[in-house]
Every structure is written in C-alpha cells, then in structure tokens.
C-alpha cells in the first residue's frame, strides 16, 4: 500500500503540517462505493508518488477528524495544500476527475 493511513492521532502531523499537496480519502469498510474507489486511490498513490501525499482515513476509526471536516457522506476526498483545504469531492469519482484535481495542485 502506497497510501499513508491517518487517524485522529496523526492527522495533524501527516496532513496539516505537510508542506505540499495531500489527498485524503475518507472511507469505511462497510461502504460499497469506498471499496470501489480504493483501487483508484492506490493507483493514484503510485502514480503521484513523490509529488502528492495520498492518505486514507477510516471514518469509523477517526471520528474527531471526520466530524471536524463535516464528513456526512463517504467516500469523500479532501485535497489539502500546505495544511489548507483547497478542494473536495463527495461520492464515487472517476480516476480522471481525481487526476484533474491532483494536477491542479501541482
């Protein structure tokens, strides 16, 4: 797995303090669309290695961060740059749509 697993405990260090673009996939094991998106996220993590940090946060295991970012539907993907939210998608997205967002951060 090329993605970094983030939790309430390490979110600030891994995402907010990171200087550069970060994509965070908010997901859960019971979520069908999340499971469909998982291989796409993994591909993107490999393709953008060294350019974008790709993280996954299980909403069941990270309730504080999920609440802070008002995650009400999953999958939700939030794009950060230098600790600031710059874009967000909700629901199952195509690889091309996510690539477009990532490319805009570079």
PDB file of N, CA and C in Angstrom:
ATOM      1  N   UNK A   1       0.852  -1.188   0.000  1.00  0.00           N
ATOM      2  CA  UNK A   1       0.000   0.000   0.000  1.00  0.00           C
ATOM      3  C   UNK A   1       0.890   1.242   0.000  1.00  0.00           C
ATOM      4  N   UNK A   2       0.644   2.133  -0.931  1.00  0.00           N
ATOM      5  CA  UNK A   2       1.426   3.367  -1.036  1.00  0.00           C
ATOM      6  C   UNK A   2       0.804   4.493  -0.229  1.00  0.00           C
ATOM      7  N   UNK A   3      -0.442   4.297   0.181  1.00  0.00           N
ATOM      8  CA  UNK A   3      -1.130   5.351   0.923  1.00  0.00           C
ATOM      9  C   UNK A   3      -0.680   5.349   2.380  1.00  0.00           C
ATOM     10  N   UNK A   4      -0.764   6.528   2.987  1.00  0.00           N
ATOM     11  CA  UNK A   4      -0.456   6.676   4.404  1.00  0.00           C
ATOM     12  C   UNK A   4      -1.780   6.578   5.158  1.00  0.00           C
ATOM     13  N   UNK A   5      -1.847   5.702   6.159  1.00  0.00           N
ATOM     14  CA  UNK A   5      -3.056   5.578   6.969  1.00  0.00           C
ATOM     15  C   UNK A   5      -3.007   6.668   8.039  1.00  0.00           C
ATOM     16  N   UNK A   6      -4.041   7.520   8.047  1.00  0.00           N
ATOM     17  CA  UNK A   6      -4.096   8.575   9.050  1.00  0.00           C
ATOM     18  C   UNK A   6      -5.246   8.320  10.014  1.00  0.00           C
ATOM     19  N   UNK A   7      -5.073   8.834  11.236  1.00  0.00           N
ATOM     20  CA  UNK A   7      -6.060   8.673  12.304  1.00  0.00           C
ATOM     21  C   UNK A   7      -6.218  10.032  12.991  1.00  0.00           C
ATOM     22  N   UNK A   8      -7.107  10.080  13.965  1.00  0.00           N
ATOM     23  CA  UNK A   8      -7.244  11.302  14.760  1.00  0.00           C
ATOM     24  C   UNK A   8      -5.890  11.673  15.373  1.00  0.00           C
ATOM     25  N   UNK A   9      -5.111  10.661  15.764  1.00  0.00           N
ATOM     26  CA  UNK A   9      -3.847  10.892  16.470  1.00  0.00           C
ATOM     27  C   UNK A   9      -2.747  11.481  15.580  1.00  0.00           C
ATOM     28  N   UNK A  10      -2.673  11.056  14.318  1.00  0.00           N
ATOM     29  CA  UNK A  10      -1.552  11.512  13.496  1.00  0.00           C
ATOM     30  C   UNK A  10      -1.964  12.438  12.341  1.00  0.00           C
ATOM     31  N   UNK A  11      -3.232  12.828  12.268  1.00  0.00           N
ATOM     32  CA  UNK A  11      -3.724  13.648  11.158  1.00  0.00           C
ATOM     33  C   UNK A  11      -2.971  14.978  11.049  1.00  0.00           C
ATOM     34  N   UNK A  12      -2.810  15.647  12.173  1.00  0.00           N
ATOM     35  CA  UNK A  12      -2.148  16.950  12.143  1.00  0.00           C
ATOM     36  C   UNK A  12      -0.720  16.829  11.594  1.00  0.00           C
ATOM     37  N   UNK A  13      -0.002  15.838  12.100  1.00  0.00           N
ATOM     38  CA  UNK A  13       1.395  15.646  11.677  1.00  0.00           C
ATOM     39  C   UNK A  13       1.489  15.244  10.204  1.00  0.00           C
ATOM     40  N   UNK A  14       0.658  14.285   9.777  1.00  0.00           N
ATOM     41  CA  UNK A  14       0.746  13.732   8.422  1.00  0.00           C
ATOM     42  C   UNK A  14       0.129  14.634   7.348  1.00  0.00           C
ATOM     43  N   UNK A  15      -0.916  15.368   7.702  1.00  0.00           N
ATOM     44  CA  UNK A  15      -1.649  16.153   6.700  1.00  0.00           C
ATOM     45  C   UNK A  15      -1.454  17.655   6.884  1.00  0.00           C
ATOM     46  N   UNK A  16      -1.806  18.175   8.034  1.00  0.00           N
ATOM     47  CA  UNK A  16      -1.817  19.625   8.228  1.00  0.00           C
ATOM     48  C   UNK A  16      -0.427  20.249   8.261  1.00  0.00           C
ATOM     49  N   UNK A  17       0.554  19.526   8.773  1.00  0.00           N
ATOM     50  CA  UNK A  17       1.906  20.083   8.845  1.00  0.00           C
ATOM     51  C   UNK A  17       2.735  19.765   7.600  1.00  0.00           C
ATOM     52  N   UNK A  18       2.181  18.966   6.691  1.00  0.00           N
ATOM     53  CA  UNK A  18       2.915  18.582   5.491  1.00  0.00           C
ATOM     54  C   UNK A  18       2.976  19.757   4.527  1.00  0.00           C
ATOM     55  N   UNK A  19       4.182  20.069   4.073  1.00  0.00           N
ATOM     56  CA  UNK A  19       4.353  21.164   3.117  1.00  0.00           C
ATOM     57  C   UNK A  19       4.243  20.597   1.705  1.00  0.00           C
ATOM     58  N   UNK A  20       3.089  20.788   1.101  1.00  0.00           N
ATOM     59  CA  UNK A  20       2.845  20.263  -0.241  1.00  0.00           C
ATOM     60  C   UNK A  20       1.435  19.719  -0.330  1.00  0.00           C
ATOM     61  N   UNK A  21       1.091  19.169  -1.496  1.00  0.00           N
ATOM     62  CA  UNK A  21      -0.265  18.660  -1.709  1.00  0.00           C
ATOM     63  C   UNK A  21      -0.506  17.310  -1.035  1.00  0.00           C
ATOM     64  N   UNK A  22      -1.694  17.189  -0.447  1.00  0.00           N
ATOM     65  CA  UNK A  22      -2.121  15.944   0.205  1.00  0.00           C
ATOM     66  C   UNK A  22      -3.548  15.640  -0.217  1.00  0.00           C
ATOM     67  N   UNK A  23      -3.799  14.379  -0.562  1.00  0.00           N
ATOM     68  CA  UNK A  23      -5.153  13.917  -0.870  1.00  0.00           C
ATOM     69  C   UNK A  23      -5.553  12.942   0.235  1.00  0.00           C
ATOM     70  N   UNK A  24      -6.679  13.206   0.894  1.00  0.00           N
ATOM     71  CA  UNK A  24      -7.145  12.331   1.969  1.00  0.00           C
ATOM     72  C   UNK A  24      -8.477  11.699   1.561  1.00  0.00           C
ATOM     73  N   UNK A  25      -8.478  10.369   1.536  1.00  0.00           N
ATOM     74  CA  UNK A  25      -9.673   9.591   1.223  1.00  0.00           C
ATOM     75  C   UNK A  25     -10.349   9.217   2.544  1.00  0.00           C
ATOM     76  N   UNK A  26     -11.546   9.760   2.772  1.00  0.00           N
ATOM     77  CA  UNK A  26     -12.344   9.403   3.955  1.00  0.00           C
ATOM     78  C   UNK A  26     -13.240   8.240   3.550  1.00  0.00           C
ATOM     79  N   UNK A  27     -13.111   7.096   4.239  1.00  0.00           N
ATOM     80  CA  UNK A  27     -13.787   5.876   3.819  1.00  0.00           C
ATOM     81  C   UNK A  27     -14.187   5.046   5.046  1.00  0.00           C
ATOM     82  N   UNK A  28     -14.864   3.928   4.794  1.00  0.00           N
ATOM     83  CA  UNK A  28     -15.186   2.957   5.848  1.00  0.00           C
ATOM     84  C   UNK A  28     -15.276   1.571   5.212  1.00  0.00           C
ATOM     85  N   UNK A  29     -15.021   0.550   6.004  1.00  0.00           N
ATOM     86  CA  UNK A  29     -15.001  -0.822   5.477  1.00  0.00           C
ATOM     87  C   UNK A  29     -16.364  -1.264   4.964  1.00  0.00           C
ATOM     88  N   UNK A  30     -17.438  -0.741   5.544  1.00  0.00           N
ATOM     89  CA  UNK A  30     -18.796  -1.165   5.173  1.00  0.00           C
ATOM     90  C   UNK A  30     -19.350  -0.411   3.960  1.00  0.00           C
ATOM     91  N   UNK A  31     -18.593   0.527   3.425  1.00  0.00           N
ATOM     92  CA  UNK A  31     -19.059   1.405   2.353  1.00  0.00           C
ATOM     93  C   UNK A  31     -18.703   0.823   0.977  1.00  0.00           C
ATOM     94  N   UNK A  32     -19.715   0.407   0.220  1.00  0.00           N
ATOM     95  CA  UNK A  32     -19.507  -0.175  -1.108  1.00  0.00           C
ATOM     96  C   UNK A  32     -18.768   0.746  -2.070  1.00  0.00           C
ATOM     97  N   UNK A  33     -19.242   1.992  -2.250  1.00  0.00           N
ATOM     98  CA  UNK A  33     -18.523   2.903  -3.151  1.00  0.00           C
ATOM     99  C   UNK A  33     -17.080   3.157  -2.709  1.00  0.00           C
ATOM    100  N   UNK A  34     -16.833   3.126  -1.395  1.00  0.00           N
ATOM    101  CA  UNK A  34     -15.460   3.314  -0.889  1.00  0.00           C
ATOM    102  C   UNK A  34     -14.574   2.163  -1.366  1.00  0.00           C
ATOM    103  N   UNK A  35     -15.111   0.942  -1.316  1.00  0.00           N
ATOM    104  CA  UNK A  35     -14.341  -0.226  -1.760  1.00  0.00           C
ATOM    105  C   UNK A  35     -14.087  -0.155  -3.266  1.00  0.00           C
ATOM    106  N   UNK A  36     -15.041   0.417  -4.012  1.00  0.00           N
ATOM    107  CA  UNK A  36     -14.858   0.573  -5.452  1.00  0.00           C
ATOM    108  C   UNK A  36     -13.789   1.634  -5.748  1.00  0.00           C
ATOM    109  N   UNK A  37     -13.699   2.645  -4.915  1.00  0.00           N
ATOM    110  CA  UNK A  37     -12.743   3.737  -5.113  1.00  0.00           C
ATOM    111  C   UNK A  37     -11.328   3.345  -4.669  1.00  0.00           C
ATOM    112  N   UNK A  38     -11.209   2.401  -3.747  1.00  0.00           N
ATOM    113  CA  UNK A  38      -9.919   2.033  -3.152  1.00  0.00           C
ATOM    114  C   UNK A  38      -8.829   1.716  -4.183  1.00  0.00           C
ATOM    115  N   UNK A  39      -9.101   0.883  -5.218  1.00  0.00           N
ATOM    116  CA  UNK A  39      -8.031   0.606  -6.177  1.00  0.00           C
ATOM    117  C   UNK A  39      -7.604   1.844  -6.971  1.00  0.00           C
ATOM    118  N   UNK A  40      -8.528   2.756  -7.201  1.00  0.00           N
ATOM    119  CA  UNK A  40      -8.214   4.003  -7.909  1.00  0.00           C
ATOM    120  C   UNK A  40      -7.281   4.853  -7.048  1.00  0.00           C
ATOM    121  N   UNK A  41      -7.594   4.955  -5.757  1.00  0.00           N
ATOM    122  CA  UNK A  41      -6.763   5.720  -4.825  1.00  0.00           C
ATOM    123  C   UNK A  41      -5.360   5.116  -4.781  1.00  0.00           C
ATOM    124  N   UNK A  42      -5.287   3.779  -4.749  1.00  0.00           N
ATOM    125  CA  UNK A  42      -3.993   3.104  -4.696  1.00  0.00           C
ATOM    126  C   UNK A  42      -3.176   3.387  -5.968  1.00  0.00           C
ATOM    127  N   UNK A  43      -3.832   3.348  -7.132  1.00  0.00           N
ATOM    128  CA  UNK A  43      -3.150   3.666  -8.397  1.00  0.00           C
ATOM    129  C   UNK A  43      -2.619   5.098  -8.379  1.00  0.00           C
ATOM    130  N   UNK A  44      -3.457   6.019  -7.924  1.00  0.00           N
ATOM    131  CA  UNK A  44      -3.043   7.425  -7.872  1.00  0.00           C
ATOM    132  C   UNK A  44      -1.866   7.618  -6.921  1.00  0.00           C
ATOM    133  N   UNK A  45      -1.883   6.893  -5.804  1.00  0.00           N
ATOM    134  CA  UNK A  45      -0.784   6.991  -4.835  1.00  0.00           C
ATOM    135  C   UNK A  45       0.530   6.586  -5.490  1.00  0.00           C
ATOM    136  N   UNK A  46       0.497   5.549  -6.321  1.00  0.00           N
ATOM    137  CA  UNK A  46       1.710   5.102  -7.012  1.00  0.00           C
ATOM    138  C   UNK A  46       2.113   6.105  -8.092  1.00  0.00           C
ATOM    139  N   UNK A  47       1.136   6.562  -8.876  1.00  0.00           N
ATOM    140  CA  UNK A  47       1.422   7.465  -9.986  1.00  0.00           C
ATOM    141  C   UNK A  47       1.933   8.832  -9.520  1.00  0.00           C
ATOM    142  N   UNK A  48       1.450   9.300  -8.369  1.00  0.00           N
ATOM    143  CA  UNK A  48       1.830  10.626  -7.874  1.00  0.00           C
ATOM    144  C   UNK A  48       2.853  10.551  -6.749  1.00  0.00           C
ATOM    145  N   UNK A  49       3.476   9.381  -6.561  1.00  0.00           N
ATOM    146  CA  UNK A  49       4.483   9.209  -5.505  1.00  0.00           C
ATOM    147  C   UNK A  49       5.578  10.246  -5.684  1.00  0.00           C
ATOM    148  N   UNK A  50       5.920  10.909  -4.582  1.00  0.00           N
ATOM    149  CA  UNK A  50       6.945  11.934  -4.628  1.00  0.00           C
ATOM    150  C   UNK A  50       6.411  13.314  -4.986  1.00  0.00           C
ATOM    151  N   UNK A  51       5.159  13.372  -5.460  1.00  0.00           N
ATOM    152  CA  UNK A  51       4.555  14.661  -5.835  1.00  0.00           C
ATOM    153  C   UNK A  51       3.385  15.025  -4.924  1.00  0.00           C
ATOM    154  N   UNK A  52       2.575  14.004  -4.584  1.00  0.00           N
ATOM    155  CA  UNK A  52       1.389  14.207  -3.742  1.00  0.00           C
ATOM    156  C   UNK A  52       1.379  13.117  -2.673  1.00  0.00           C
ATOM    157  N   UNK A  53       1.132  13.514  -1.437  1.00  0.00           N
ATOM    158  CA  UNK A  53       0.990  12.541  -0.354  1.00  0.00           C
ATOM    159  C   UNK A  53      -0.464  12.069  -0.380  1.00  0.00           C
ATOM    160  N   UNK A  54      -0.664  10.760  -0.472  1.00  0.00           N
ATOM    161  CA  UNK A  54      -2.017  10.198  -0.520  1.00  0.00           C
ATOM    162  C   UNK A  54      -2.283   9.483   0.803  1.00  0.00           C
ATOM    163  N   UNK A  55      -3.367   9.891   1.477  1.00  0.00           N
ATOM    164  CA  UNK A  55      -3.707   9.341   2.789  1.00  0.00           C
ATOM    165  C   UNK A  55      -5.120   8.759   2.776  1.00  0.00           C
ATOM    166  N   UNK A  56      -5.349   7.819   3.692  1.00  0.00           N
ATOM    167  CA  UNK A  56      -6.677   7.239   3.876  1.00  0.00           C
ATOM    168  C   UNK A  56      -7.047   7.355   5.348  1.00  0.00           C
ATOM    169  N   UNK A  57      -8.270   7.796   5.611  1.00  0.00           N
ATOM    170  CA  UNK A  57      -8.749   7.890   6.985  1.00  0.00           C
ATOM    171  C   UNK A  57     -10.062   7.122   7.085  1.00  0.00           C
ATOM    172  N   UNK A  58     -10.055   6.056   7.887  1.00  0.00           N
ATOM    173  CA  UNK A  58     -11.268   5.279   8.131  1.00  0.00           C
ATOM    174  C   UNK A  58     -12.142   6.107   9.083  1.00  0.00           C
ATOM    175  N   UNK A  59     -13.318   6.512   8.606  1.00  0.00           N
ATOM    176  CA  UNK A  59     -14.173   7.408   9.400  1.00  0.00           C
ATOM    177  C   UNK A  59     -14.632   6.773  10.714  1.00  0.00           C
ATOM    178  N   UNK A  60     -14.721   5.447  10.745  1.00  0.00           N
ATOM    179  CA  UNK A  60     -15.114   4.768  11.985  1.00  0.00           C
ATOM    180  C   UNK A  60     -13.995   4.842  13.023  1.00  0.00           C
ATOM    181  N   UNK A  61     -12.750   4.921  12.542  1.00  0.00           N
ATOM    182  CA  UNK A  61     -11.600   4.961  13.447  1.00  0.00           C
ATOM    183  C   UNK A  61     -11.092   6.383  13.673  1.00  0.00           C
ATOM    184  N   UNK A  62     -11.639   7.341  12.916  1.00  0.00           N
ATOM    185  CA  UNK A  62     -11.222   8.728  13.060  1.00  0.00           C
ATOM    186  C   UNK A  62     -12.409   9.657  13.175  1.00  0.00           C
ATOM    187  N   UNK A  63     -13.238   9.450  14.207  1.00  0.00           N
ATOM    188  CA  UNK A  63     -14.470  10.242  14.320  1.00  0.00           C
ATOM    189  C   UNK A  63     -14.235  11.734  14.562  1.00  0.00           C
ATOM    190  N   UNK A  64     -13.156  12.088  15.254  1.00  0.00           N
ATOM    191  CA  UNK A  64     -12.916  13.505  15.550  1.00  0.00           C
ATOM    192  C   UNK A  64     -12.580  14.292  14.284  1.00  0.00           C
ATOM    193  N   UNK A  65     -11.676  13.750  13.478  1.00  0.00           N
ATOM    194  CA  UNK A  65     -11.294  14.426  12.232  1.00  0.00           C
ATOM    195  C   UNK A  65     -12.481  14.422  11.263  1.00  0.00           C
ATOM    196  N   UNK A  66     -13.187  13.305  11.179  1.00  0.00           N
ATOM    197  CA  UNK A  66     -14.357  13.221  10.296  1.00  0.00           C
ATOM    198  C   UNK A  66     -15.381  14.281  10.669  1.00  0.00           C
ATOM    199  N   UNK A  67     -15.590  14.479  11.953  1.00  0.00           N
ATOM    200  CA  UNK A  67     -16.531  15.483  12.438  1.00  0.00           C
ATOM    201  C   UNK A  67     -16.016  16.891  12.141  1.00  0.00           C
ATOM    202  N   UNK A  68     -14.722  17.113  12.368  1.00  0.00           N
ATOM    203  CA  UNK A  68     -14.126  18.433  12.139  1.00  0.00           C
ATOM    204  C   UNK A  68     -14.313  18.879  10.691  1.00  0.00           C
ATOM    205  N   UNK A  69     -14.197  17.940   9.751  1.00  0.00           N
ATOM    206  CA  UNK A  69     -14.331  18.278   8.337  1.00  0.00           C
ATOM    207  C   UNK A  69     -15.735  18.009   7.798  1.00  0.00           C
ATOM    208  N   UNK A  70     -16.674  17.812   8.719  1.00  0.00           N
ATOM    209  CA  UNK A  70     -18.095  17.634   8.401  1.00  0.00           C
ATOM    210  C   UNK A  70     -18.338  16.552   7.341  1.00  0.00           C
ATOM    211  N   UNK A  71     -17.707  15.402   7.536  1.00  0.00           N
ATOM    212  CA  UNK A  71     -17.871  14.279   6.617  1.00  0.00           C
ATOM    213  C   UNK A  71     -19.207  13.618   6.932  1.00  0.00           C
ATOM    214  N   UNK A  72     -20.179  13.791   6.040  1.00  0.00           N
ATOM    215  CA  UNK A  72     -21.503  13.194   6.251  1.00  0.00           C
ATOM    216  C   UNK A  72     -21.789  12.102   5.230  1.00  0.00           C
ATOM    217  N   UNK A  73     -21.075  12.101   4.129  1.00  0.00           N
ATOM    218  CA  UNK A  73     -21.215  11.064   3.098  1.00  0.00           C
ATOM    219  C   UNK A  73     -19.827  10.584   2.722  1.00  0.00           C
ATOM    220  N   UNK A  74     -19.734   9.278   2.492  1.00  0.00           N
ATOM    221  CA  UNK A  74     -18.442   8.741   2.055  1.00  0.00           C
ATOM    222  C   UNK A  74     -18.656   7.898   0.806  1.00  0.00           C
ATOM    223  N   UNK A  75     -17.672   7.765  -0.052  1.00  0.00           N
ATOM    224  CA  UNK A  75     -16.345   8.339   0.103  1.00  0.00           C
ATOM    225  C   UNK A  75     -16.330   9.853  -0.124  1.00  0.00           C
ATOM    226  N   UNK A  76     -15.535  10.528   0.687  1.00  0.00           N
ATOM    227  CA  UNK A  76     -15.235  11.944   0.490  1.00  0.00           C
ATOM    228  C   UNK A  76     -13.726  12.043   0.352  1.00  0.00           C
ATOM    229  N   UNK A  77     -13.278  12.791  -0.635  1.00  0.00           N
ATOM    230  CA  UNK A  77     -11.846  13.017  -0.816  1.00  0.00           C
ATOM    231  C   UNK A  77     -11.605  14.509  -0.649  1.00  0.00           C
ATOM    232  N   UNK A  78     -10.716  14.850   0.286  1.00  0.00           N
ATOM    233  CA  UNK A  78     -10.372  16.252   0.516  1.00  0.00           C
ATOM    234  C   UNK A  78      -8.922  16.467   0.092  1.00  0.00           C
ATOM    235  N   UNK A  79      -8.715  17.545  -0.642  1.00  0.00           N
ATOM    236  CA  UNK A  79      -7.382  17.902  -1.131  1.00  0.00           C
ATOM    237  C   UNK A  79      -6.859  19.071  -0.299  1.00  0.00           C
ATOM    238  N   UNK A  80      -5.671  18.905   0.248  1.00  0.00           N
ATOM    239  CA  UNK A  80      -5.026  19.931   1.066  1.00  0.00           C
ATOM    240  C   UNK A  80      -3.768  20.400   0.354  1.00  0.00           C
ATOM    241  N   UNK A  81      -3.425  21.649   0.568  1.00  0.00           N
ATOM    242  CA  UNK A  81      -2.130  22.147   0.115  1.00  0.00           C
ATOM    243  C   UNK A  81      -1.569  23.005   1.241  1.00  0.00           C
ATOM    244  N   UNK A  82      -0.412  22.598   1.738  1.00  0.00           N
ATOM    245  CA  UNK A  82       0.231  23.282   2.863  1.00  0.00           C
ATOM    246  C   UNK A  82      -0.721  23.442   4.049  1.00  0.00           C
ATOM    247  N   UNK A  83      -1.481  22.389   4.340  1.00  0.00           N
ATOM    248  CA  UNK A  83      -2.353  22.364   5.512  1.00  0.00           C
ATOM    249  C   UNK A  83      -3.731  22.970   5.321  1.00  0.00           C
ATOM    250  N   UNK A  84      -3.990  23.541   4.143  1.00  0.00           N
ATOM    251  CA  UNK A  84      -5.283  24.184   3.891  1.00  0.00           C
ATOM    252  C   UNK A  84      -6.122  23.360   2.920  1.00  0.00           C
ATOM    253  N   UNK A  85      -7.437  23.275   3.190  1.00  0.00           N
ATOM    254  CA  UNK A  85      -8.343  22.589   2.267  1.00  0.00           C
ATOM    255  C   UNK A  85      -8.468  23.434   1.001  1.00  0.00           C
ATOM    256  N   UNK A  86      -8.217  22.807  -0.153  1.00  0.00           N
ATOM    257  CA  UNK A  86      -8.322  23.537  -1.416  1.00  0.00           C
ATOM    258  C   UNK A  86      -9.398  22.967  -2.344  1.00  0.00           C
ATOM    259  N   UNK A  87      -9.819  21.723  -2.103  1.00  0.00           N
ATOM    260  CA  UNK A  87     -10.872  21.117  -2.928  1.00  0.00           C
ATOM    261  C   UNK A  87     -11.429  19.903  -2.201  1.00  0.00           C
ATOM    262  N   UNK A  88     -12.621  19.477  -2.653  1.00  0.00           N
ATOM    263  CA  UNK A  88     -13.269  18.322  -2.024  1.00  0.00           C
ATOM    264  C   UNK A  88     -14.203  17.673  -3.026  1.00  0.00           C
ATOM    265  N   UNK A  89     -14.266  16.350  -2.995  1.00  0.00           N
ATOM    266  CA  UNK A  89     -15.250  15.621  -3.798  1.00  0.00           C
ATOM    267  C   UNK A  89     -16.012  14.699  -2.858  1.00  0.00           C
ATOM    268  N   UNK A  90     -17.273  14.457  -3.179  1.00  0.00           N
ATOM    269  CA  UNK A  90     -18.102  13.554  -2.382  1.00  0.00           C
ATOM    270  C   UNK A  90     -18.711  12.525  -3.326  1.00  0.00           C
ATOM    271  N   UNK A  91     -18.640  11.257  -2.923  1.00  0.00           N
ATOM    272  CA  UNK A  91     -19.191  10.194  -3.750  1.00  0.00           C
ATOM    273  C   UNK A  91     -18.110   9.579  -4.624  1.00  0.00           C
ATOM    274  N   UNK A  92     -18.496   8.520  -5.313  1.00  0.00           N
ATOM    275  CA  UNK A  92     -17.575   7.801  -6.181  1.00  0.00           C
ATOM    276  C   UNK A  92     -17.166   8.690  -7.348  1.00  0.00           C
ATOM    277  N   UNK A  93     -15.864   8.864  -7.528  1.00  0.00           N
ATOM    278  CA  UNK A  93     -15.326   9.720  -8.587  1.00  0.00           C
ATOM    279  C   UNK A  93     -14.531   8.876  -9.570  1.00  0.00           C
ATOM    280  N   UNK A  94     -14.446   9.350 -10.790  1.00  0.00           N
ATOM    281  CA  UNK A  94     -13.611   8.665 -11.779  1.00  0.00           C
ATOM    282  C   UNK A  94     -12.148   8.991 -11.498  1.00  0.00           C
ATOM    283  N   UNK A  95     -11.269   8.134 -11.986  1.00  0.00           N
ATOM    284  CA  UNK A  95      -9.834   8.377 -11.840  1.00  0.00           C
ATOM    285  C   UNK A  95      -9.474   9.696 -12.513  1.00  0.00           C
ATOM    286  N   UNK A  96     -10.044   9.948 -13.684  1.00  0.00           N
ATOM    287  CA  UNK A  96      -9.755  11.176 -14.428  1.00  0.00           C
ATOM    288  C   UNK A  96     -10.136  12.420 -13.629  1.00  0.00           C
ATOM    289  N   UNK A  97     -11.283  12.373 -12.944  1.00  0.00           N
ATOM    290  CA  UNK A  97     -11.737  13.523 -12.154  1.00  0.00           C
ATOM    291  C   UNK A  97     -10.768  13.792 -11.005  1.00  0.00           C
ATOM    292  N   UNK A  98     -10.298  12.736 -10.366  1.00  0.00           N
ATOM    293  CA  UNK A  98      -9.349  12.899  -9.260  1.00  0.00           C
ATOM    294  C   UNK A  98      -7.993  13.370  -9.781  1.00  0.00           C
ATOM    295  N   UNK A  99      -7.575  12.855 -10.942  1.00  0.00           N
ATOM    296  CA  UNK A  99      -6.306  13.293 -11.537  1.00  0.00           C
ATOM    297  C   UNK A  99      -6.344  14.781 -11.856  1.00  0.00           C
ATOM    298  N   UNK A 100      -7.492  15.247 -12.334  1.00  0.00           N
ATOM    299  CA  UNK A 100      -7.647  16.661 -12.663  1.00  0.00           C
ATOM    300  C   UNK A 100      -7.417  17.520 -11.418  1.00  0.00           C
ATOM    301  N   UNK A 101      -8.025  17.106 -10.306  1.00  0.00           N
ATOM    302  CA  UNK A 101      -7.857  17.832  -9.043  1.00  0.00           C
ATOM    303  C   UNK A 101      -6.388  17.798  -8.590  1.00  0.00           C
ATOM    304  N   UNK A 102      -5.780  16.608  -8.672  1.00  0.00           N
ATOM    305  CA  UNK A 102      -4.382  16.474  -8.249  1.00  0.00           C
ATOM    306  C   UNK A 102      -3.472  17.349  -9.111  1.00  0.00           C
ATOM    307  N   UNK A 103      -3.679  17.314 -10.421  1.00  0.00           N
ATOM    308  CA  UNK A 103      -2.838  18.094 -11.327  1.00  0.00           C
ATOM    309  C   UNK A 103      -2.956  19.589 -11.041  1.00  0.00           C
ATOM    310  N   UNK A 104      -4.137  20.026 -10.592  1.00  0.00           N
ATOM    311  CA  UNK A 104      -4.328  21.448 -10.294  1.00  0.00           C
ATOM    312  C   UNK A 104      -3.537  21.861  -9.045  1.00  0.00           C
ATOM    313  N   UNK A 105      -3.146  20.900  -8.222  1.00  0.00           N
ATOM    314  CA  UNK A 105      -2.377  21.200  -7.004  1.00  0.00           C
ATOM    315  C   UNK A 105      -0.884  21.288  -7.267  1.00  0.00           C
ATOM    316  N   UNK A 106      -0.449  20.738  -8.377  1.00  0.00           N
ATOM    317  CA  UNK A 106       0.996  20.666  -8.656  1.00  0.00           C
ATOM    318  C   UNK A 106       1.523  21.934  -9.306  1.00  0.00           C
TER     319      UNK A 106
END
